[in-house]
Amino acid sequence: MAKCAICEKAVHFGNNVSHSHRRSNHIWNSNVKSVRVKTETGVRRMYVCTSCLRSGKVERAGKAE
């Protein structure tokens, strides 16, 4: 489940290309973390990518509240 709940960034598909140019399938997963997020309804656990966390698109919920 490598999909961001905020920006919906997901997996990317492509090819590994060797020196002899033989190609095999390759998958790149998003850097997604399971974090506790403050929402308007309360605190929820969501999968959020690290770029959304760093840019401040979500506010993390603290442990002691």
N, C-alpha and C. Protein backbone atom coordinates (compact mmCIF):
# COMPACT_ATOMS: atom_id res chain seq x y z
N MET A 1 0.85 -1.18 0.00
CA MET A 1 0.00 0.00 0.00
C MET A 1 0.89 1.23 0.00
N ALA A 2 1.58 1.48 -1.06
CA ALA A 2 2.46 2.64 -1.14
C ALA A 2 1.74 3.74 -1.88
N LYS A 3 0.77 4.37 -1.21
CA LYS A 3 0.03 5.46 -1.82
C LYS A 3 -0.25 6.51 -0.77
N CYS A 4 0.06 7.76 -1.09
CA CYS A 4 -0.13 8.87 -0.16
C CYS A 4 -1.61 9.25 -0.11
N ALA A 5 -2.12 9.46 1.10
CA ALA A 5 -3.52 9.85 1.27
C ALA A 5 -3.75 11.32 0.92
N ILE A 6 -2.69 12.12 0.86
CA ILE A 6 -2.84 13.55 0.59
C ILE A 6 -2.70 13.85 -0.90
N CYS A 7 -1.55 13.50 -1.48
CA CYS A 7 -1.29 13.85 -2.88
C CYS A 7 -1.49 12.66 -3.82
N GLU A 8 -1.80 11.49 -3.27
CA GLU A 8 -2.06 10.26 -4.02
C GLU A 8 -0.86 9.84 -4.87
N LYS A 9 0.35 10.16 -4.39
CA LYS A 9 1.55 9.64 -5.05
C LYS A 9 1.59 8.14 -4.84
N ALA A 10 1.88 7.39 -5.90
CA ALA A 10 1.83 5.93 -5.83
C ALA A 10 3.08 5.35 -6.49
N VAL A 11 3.05 4.06 -6.76
CA VAL A 11 4.20 3.37 -7.34
C VAL A 11 4.42 3.79 -8.79
N HIS A 12 5.67 3.68 -9.24
CA HIS A 12 6.03 3.95 -10.63
C HIS A 12 6.67 2.70 -11.19
N PHE A 13 6.38 2.42 -12.44
CA PHE A 13 6.91 1.23 -13.11
C PHE A 13 7.88 1.65 -14.19
N GLY A 14 8.86 0.80 -14.43
CA GLY A 14 9.83 1.08 -15.47
C GLY A 14 10.66 -0.15 -15.74
N ASN A 15 11.86 0.06 -16.27
CA ASN A 15 12.75 -1.03 -16.63
C ASN A 15 14.11 -0.84 -16.00
N ASN A 16 14.70 -1.96 -15.54
CA ASN A 16 16.13 -2.00 -15.27
C ASN A 16 16.81 -2.27 -16.59
N VAL A 17 17.82 -1.48 -16.93
CA VAL A 17 18.52 -1.67 -18.19
C VAL A 17 19.97 -2.01 -17.88
N SER A 18 20.41 -3.19 -18.31
CA SER A 18 21.77 -3.64 -18.04
C SER A 18 22.74 -2.99 -19.03
N HIS A 19 24.03 -3.28 -18.83
CA HIS A 19 25.05 -2.73 -19.72
C HIS A 19 24.85 -3.24 -21.15
N SER A 20 24.39 -4.49 -21.29
CA SER A 20 24.14 -5.03 -22.62
C SER A 20 22.75 -4.66 -23.14
N HIS A 21 22.07 -3.80 -22.43
CA HIS A 21 20.76 -3.23 -22.78
C HIS A 21 19.63 -4.26 -22.71
N ARG A 22 19.81 -5.32 -21.92
CA ARG A 22 18.69 -6.22 -21.64
C ARG A 22 17.82 -5.56 -20.58
N ARG A 23 16.52 -5.63 -20.77
CA ARG A 23 15.61 -4.92 -19.87
C ARG A 23 14.78 -5.90 -19.05
N SER A 24 14.62 -5.57 -17.79
CA SER A 24 13.76 -6.34 -16.90
C SER A 24 12.89 -5.35 -16.12
N ASN A 25 11.77 -5.82 -15.62
CA ASN A 25 10.81 -4.94 -14.95
C ASN A 25 11.37 -4.44 -13.62
N HIS A 26 10.99 -3.23 -13.29
CA HIS A 26 11.42 -2.62 -12.03
C HIS A 26 10.26 -1.80 -11.48
N ILE A 27 10.14 -1.73 -10.16
CA ILE A 27 9.08 -0.97 -9.52
C ILE A 27 9.72 -0.03 -8.50
N TRP A 28 9.27 1.21 -8.46
CA TRP A 28 9.72 2.19 -7.49
C TRP A 28 8.54 2.52 -6.59
N ASN A 29 8.67 2.20 -5.30
CA ASN A 29 7.63 2.52 -4.33
C ASN A 29 7.82 3.93 -3.80
N SER A 30 6.74 4.57 -3.43
CA SER A 30 6.82 5.89 -2.83
C SER A 30 7.30 5.75 -1.39
N ASN A 31 7.93 6.80 -0.89
CA ASN A 31 8.41 6.81 0.50
C ASN A 31 7.23 7.25 1.37
N VAL A 32 6.43 6.27 1.81
CA VAL A 32 5.18 6.53 2.51
C VAL A 32 5.31 6.06 3.95
N LYS A 33 4.89 6.90 4.90
CA LYS A 33 4.94 6.57 6.31
C LYS A 33 3.53 6.54 6.87
N SER A 34 3.32 5.70 7.88
CA SER A 34 2.05 5.66 8.59
C SER A 34 2.17 6.61 9.78
N VAL A 35 1.42 7.72 9.76
CA VAL A 35 1.54 8.75 10.80
C VAL A 35 0.16 9.09 11.34
N ARG A 36 0.16 9.59 12.58
CA ARG A 36 -1.06 10.12 13.18
C ARG A 36 -1.20 11.57 12.76
N VAL A 37 -2.34 11.92 12.16
CA VAL A 37 -2.55 13.23 11.55
C VAL A 37 -3.77 13.89 12.20
N LYS A 38 -3.63 15.19 12.47
CA LYS A 38 -4.78 15.97 12.94
C LYS A 38 -5.68 16.30 11.76
N THR A 39 -6.97 15.99 11.87
CA THR A 39 -7.95 16.36 10.85
C THR A 39 -9.04 17.18 11.52
N GLU A 40 -9.99 17.66 10.73
CA GLU A 40 -11.07 18.45 11.32
C GLU A 40 -12.00 17.60 12.17
N THR A 41 -12.04 16.29 11.96
CA THR A 41 -12.88 15.40 12.76
C THR A 41 -12.16 14.82 13.96
N GLY A 42 -10.85 14.96 14.02
CA GLY A 42 -10.09 14.41 15.13
C GLY A 42 -8.73 13.93 14.65
N VAL A 43 -8.20 12.93 15.34
CA VAL A 43 -6.90 12.38 15.00
C VAL A 43 -7.09 11.06 14.27
N ARG A 44 -6.43 10.93 13.12
CA ARG A 44 -6.53 9.70 12.31
C ARG A 44 -5.14 9.21 11.97
N ARG A 45 -5.02 7.93 11.71
CA ARG A 45 -3.77 7.36 11.21
C ARG A 45 -3.89 7.23 9.70
N MET A 46 -2.92 7.83 8.98
CA MET A 46 -2.96 7.83 7.52
C MET A 46 -1.59 7.48 6.99
N TYR A 47 -1.55 7.08 5.72
CA TYR A 47 -0.31 6.88 4.99
C TYR A 47 -0.01 8.18 4.25
N VAL A 48 1.12 8.81 4.59
CA VAL A 48 1.48 10.10 4.02
C VAL A 48 2.91 10.00 3.50
N CYS A 49 3.16 10.54 2.31
CA CYS A 49 4.52 10.51 1.76
C CYS A 49 5.38 11.55 2.48
N THR A 50 6.68 11.35 2.44
CA THR A 50 7.59 12.21 3.18
C THR A 50 7.66 13.62 2.59
N SER A 51 7.38 13.77 1.30
CA SER A 51 7.38 15.11 0.73
C SER A 51 6.21 15.94 1.25
N CYS A 52 5.06 15.32 1.51
CA CYS A 52 3.94 16.03 2.11
C CYS A 52 4.22 16.36 3.57
N LEU A 53 4.91 15.48 4.27
CA LEU A 53 5.26 15.74 5.67
C LEU A 53 6.24 16.92 5.76
N ARG A 54 7.24 16.94 4.89
CA ARG A 54 8.24 18.00 4.95
C ARG A 54 7.67 19.34 4.52
N SER A 55 6.74 19.35 3.55
CA SER A 55 6.21 20.61 3.04
C SER A 55 5.16 21.21 3.97
N GLY A 56 4.69 20.45 4.95
CA GLY A 56 3.73 20.98 5.91
C GLY A 56 2.29 20.87 5.43
N LYS A 57 2.00 19.98 4.50
CA LYS A 57 0.63 19.82 4.02
C LYS A 57 -0.25 19.14 5.07
N VAL A 58 0.37 18.42 6.02
CA VAL A 58 -0.36 17.77 7.10
C VAL A 58 0.26 18.18 8.42
N GLU A 59 -0.54 18.14 9.47
CA GLU A 59 -0.06 18.43 10.82
C GLU A 59 -0.08 17.14 11.61
N ARG A 60 1.08 16.76 12.12
CA ARG A 60 1.16 15.53 12.89
C ARG A 60 0.56 15.72 14.27
N ALA A 61 -0.06 14.64 14.78
CA ALA A 61 -0.62 14.66 16.12
C ALA A 61 0.43 14.15 17.09
N GLY A 62 0.58 14.85 18.21
CA GLY A 62 1.57 14.46 19.21
C GLY A 62 1.09 13.26 20.02
N LYS A 63 2.02 12.66 20.76
CA LYS A 63 1.70 11.50 21.58
C LYS A 63 0.82 11.90 22.77
N ALA A 64 1.22 12.94 23.51
CA ALA A 64 0.48 13.33 24.73
C ALA A 64 -0.45 14.50 24.42
N GLU A 65 -1.72 14.21 24.28
CA GLU A 65 -2.70 15.28 24.03
C GLU A 65 -3.90 15.09 24.89
